[in-house]
Amino acid sequence: MPIDVLAELVNIGTLFAFLLVSLSVIILRYTKPELQRKFKCPWVPLIPIMAILFSGYLMISLPIETWIRFIVWFIIGFIIYFTYSRYNSRLVKPS
């Protein structure tokens, strides 16, 4: 695989993860404000919203081929994850 293609896949994966973390900061701050946190993000929701917007912009600026590869790998990952968890979950196995 060419290094530029690999770099684009790493970029979109990292940006997507960062976008999800920023979104979860907002959600957790308002749904579970009583949770103990070792680190608090300042200026919530402004900083997480800016992070979501900038990450989204950078993701959108990537080529369509990168998006197609990302979606395919994402679907493959979901299939592997849920197939594995279906047969290896502690909730399914008797104790």
C-alpha atoms as a PDB file:
ATOM      1  CA  MET A   1       0.000   0.000   0.000  1.00  0.00           C
ATOM      2  CA  PRO A   2       1.457   3.404  -0.900  1.00  0.00           C
ATOM      3  CA  ILE A   3       2.463   5.529   2.079  1.00  0.00           C
ATOM      4  CA  ASP A   4       0.243   8.460   1.031  1.00  0.00           C
ATOM      5  CA  VAL A   5      -2.856   6.217   0.966  1.00  0.00           C
ATOM      6  CA  LEU A   6      -1.926   4.788   4.355  1.00  0.00           C
ATOM      7  CA  ALA A   7      -1.362   8.306   5.740  1.00  0.00           C
ATOM      8  CA  GLU A   8      -4.815   9.407   4.553  1.00  0.00           C
ATOM      9  CA  LEU A   9      -6.429   6.372   6.201  1.00  0.00           C
ATOM     10  CA  VAL A  10      -4.617   7.099   9.453  1.00  0.00           C
ATOM     11  CA  ASN A  11      -5.692  10.741   9.206  1.00  0.00           C
ATOM     12  CA  ILE A  12      -9.372   9.996   8.714  1.00  0.00           C
ATOM     13  CA  GLY A  13      -9.369   7.355  11.443  1.00  0.00           C
ATOM     14  CA  THR A  14      -7.686   9.660  13.950  1.00  0.00           C
ATOM     15  CA  LEU A  15      -9.900  12.604  13.061  1.00  0.00           C
ATOM     16  CA  PHE A  16     -13.021  10.440  13.392  1.00  0.00           C
ATOM     17  CA  ALA A  17     -11.890   9.220  16.818  1.00  0.00           C
ATOM     18  CA  PHE A  18     -11.156  12.801  17.903  1.00  0.00           C
ATOM     19  CA  LEU A  19     -14.580  13.899  16.663  1.00  0.00           C
ATOM     20  CA  LEU A  20     -16.272  11.131  18.682  1.00  0.00           C
ATOM     21  CA  VAL A  21     -14.295  11.993  21.822  1.00  0.00           C
ATOM     22  CA  SER A  22     -15.222  15.665  21.498  1.00  0.00           C
ATOM     23  CA  LEU A  23     -18.876  14.745  21.062  1.00  0.00           C
ATOM     24  CA  SER A  24     -18.761  12.433  24.071  1.00  0.00           C
ATOM     25  CA  VAL A  25     -17.272  15.205  26.235  1.00  0.00           C
ATOM     26  CA  ILE A  26     -20.351  17.316  25.558  1.00  0.00           C
ATOM     27  CA  ILE A  27     -22.772  14.432  26.078  1.00  0.00           C
ATOM     28  CA  LEU A  28     -21.189  13.226  29.322  1.00  0.00           C
ATOM     29  CA  ARG A  29     -20.868  16.728  30.753  1.00  0.00           C
ATOM     30  CA  TYR A  30     -24.626  17.226  30.472  1.00  0.00           C
ATOM     31  CA  THR A  31     -25.961  13.706  31.073  1.00  0.00           C
ATOM     32  CA  LYS A  32     -23.654  12.765  33.983  1.00  0.00           C
ATOM     33  CA  PRO A  33     -22.376  15.971  35.586  1.00  0.00           C
ATOM     34  CA  GLU A  34     -21.757  14.230  38.934  1.00  0.00           C
ATOM     35  CA  LEU A  35     -19.046  11.874  37.575  1.00  0.00           C
ATOM     36  CA  GLN A  36     -15.556  12.281  39.029  1.00  0.00           C
ATOM     37  CA  ARG A  37     -13.146  13.351  36.310  1.00  0.00           C
ATOM     38  CA  LYS A  38      -9.361  13.411  36.461  1.00  0.00           C
ATOM     39  CA  PHE A  39      -9.340  16.036  33.724  1.00  0.00           C
ATOM     40  CA  LYS A  40     -11.962  18.575  32.757  1.00  0.00           C
ATOM     41  CA  CYS A  41     -12.145  20.232  29.392  1.00  0.00           C
ATOM     42  CA  PRO A  42     -12.312  24.013  29.753  1.00  0.00           C
ATOM     43  CA  TRP A  43     -15.070  26.086  28.180  1.00  0.00           C
ATOM     44  CA  VAL A  44     -17.494  23.247  27.464  1.00  0.00           C
ATOM     45  CA  PRO A  45     -19.252  23.203  24.999  1.00  0.00           C
ATOM     46  CA  LEU A  46     -17.212  25.796  23.033  1.00  0.00           C
ATOM     47  CA  ILE A  47     -13.918  23.856  22.817  1.00  0.00           C
ATOM     48  CA  PRO A  48     -15.530  20.474  21.950  1.00  0.00           C
ATOM     49  CA  ILE A  49     -17.773  22.115  19.336  1.00  0.00           C
ATOM     50  CA  MET A  50     -14.743  23.790  17.754  1.00  0.00           C
ATOM     51  CA  ALA A  51     -12.907  20.446  17.795  1.00  0.00           C
ATOM     52  CA  ILE A  52     -15.879  18.762  16.091  1.00  0.00           C
ATOM     53  CA  LEU A  53     -16.084  21.473  13.432  1.00  0.00           C
ATOM     54  CA  PHE A  54     -12.350  21.508  12.681  1.00  0.00           C
ATOM     55  CA  SER A  55     -12.099  17.713  12.632  1.00  0.00           C
ATOM     56  CA  GLY A  56     -15.163  17.523  10.397  1.00  0.00           C
ATOM     57  CA  TYR A  57     -13.690  20.100   8.037  1.00  0.00           C
ATOM     58  CA  LEU A  58     -10.401  18.216   7.807  1.00  0.00           C
ATOM     59  CA  MET A  59     -12.252  14.944   7.205  1.00  0.00           C
ATOM     60  CA  ILE A  60     -14.418  16.476   4.485  1.00  0.00           C
ATOM     61  CA  SER A  61     -11.315  17.817   2.726  1.00  0.00           C
ATOM     62  CA  LEU A  62      -9.922  14.283   2.285  1.00  0.00           C
ATOM     63  CA  PRO A  63     -10.433  12.568  -1.100  1.00  0.00           C
ATOM     64  CA  ILE A  64     -13.527  10.451  -1.754  1.00  0.00           C
ATOM     65  CA  GLU A  65     -11.345   7.331  -2.169  1.00  0.00           C
ATOM     66  CA  THR A  66     -10.224   7.754   1.438  1.00  0.00           C
ATOM     67  CA  TRP A  67     -13.838   7.952   2.574  1.00  0.00           C
ATOM     68  CA  ILE A  68     -14.713   4.785   0.664  1.00  0.00           C
ATOM     69  CA  ARG A  69     -11.761   2.912   2.191  1.00  0.00           C
ATOM     70  CA  PHE A  70     -12.652   4.230   5.641  1.00  0.00           C
ATOM     71  CA  ILE A  71     -16.289   3.153   5.366  1.00  0.00           C
ATOM     72  CA  VAL A  72     -15.298  -0.309   4.081  1.00  0.00           C
ATOM     73  CA  TRP A  73     -12.808  -0.815   6.941  1.00  0.00           C
ATOM     74  CA  PHE A  74     -15.364   0.514   9.411  1.00  0.00           C
ATOM     75  CA  ILE A  75     -17.982  -1.990   8.226  1.00  0.00           C
ATOM     76  CA  ILE A  76     -15.448  -4.840   8.270  1.00  0.00           C
ATOM     77  CA  GLY A  77     -14.461  -3.842  11.808  1.00  0.00           C
ATOM     78  CA  PHE A  78     -18.086  -3.817  12.953  1.00  0.00           C
ATOM     79  CA  ILE A  79     -18.713  -7.255  11.439  1.00  0.00           C
ATOM     80  CA  ILE A  80     -15.624  -8.710  13.124  1.00  0.00           C
ATOM     81  CA  TYR A  81     -16.418  -7.036  16.451  1.00  0.00           C
ATOM     82  CA  PHE A  82     -20.042  -8.130  16.637  1.00  0.00           C
ATOM     83  CA  THR A  83     -19.347 -11.625  15.272  1.00  0.00           C
ATOM     84  CA  TYR A  84     -16.603 -12.171  17.825  1.00  0.00           C
ATOM     85  CA  SER A  85     -18.643 -10.712  20.678  1.00  0.00           C
ATOM     86  CA  ARG A  86     -21.667 -12.818  19.802  1.00  0.00           C
ATOM     87  CA  TYR A  87     -19.734 -16.035  20.376  1.00  0.00           C
ATOM     88  CA  ASN A  88     -17.364 -14.884  23.123  1.00  0.00           C
ATOM     89  CA  SER A  89     -19.499 -12.633  25.300  1.00  0.00           C
ATOM     90  CA  ARG A  90     -19.641 -13.377  29.007  1.00  0.00           C
ATOM     91  CA  LEU A  91     -23.336 -12.486  28.900  1.00  0.00           C
ATOM     92  CA  VAL A  92     -24.073 -15.343  26.482  1.00  0.00           C
ATOM     93  CA  LYS A  93     -21.897 -17.996  28.175  1.00  0.00           C
ATOM     94  CA  PRO A  94     -23.273 -19.678  31.268  1.00  0.00           C
ATOM     95  CA  SER A  95     -21.206 -18.954  34.384  1.00  0.00           C
END
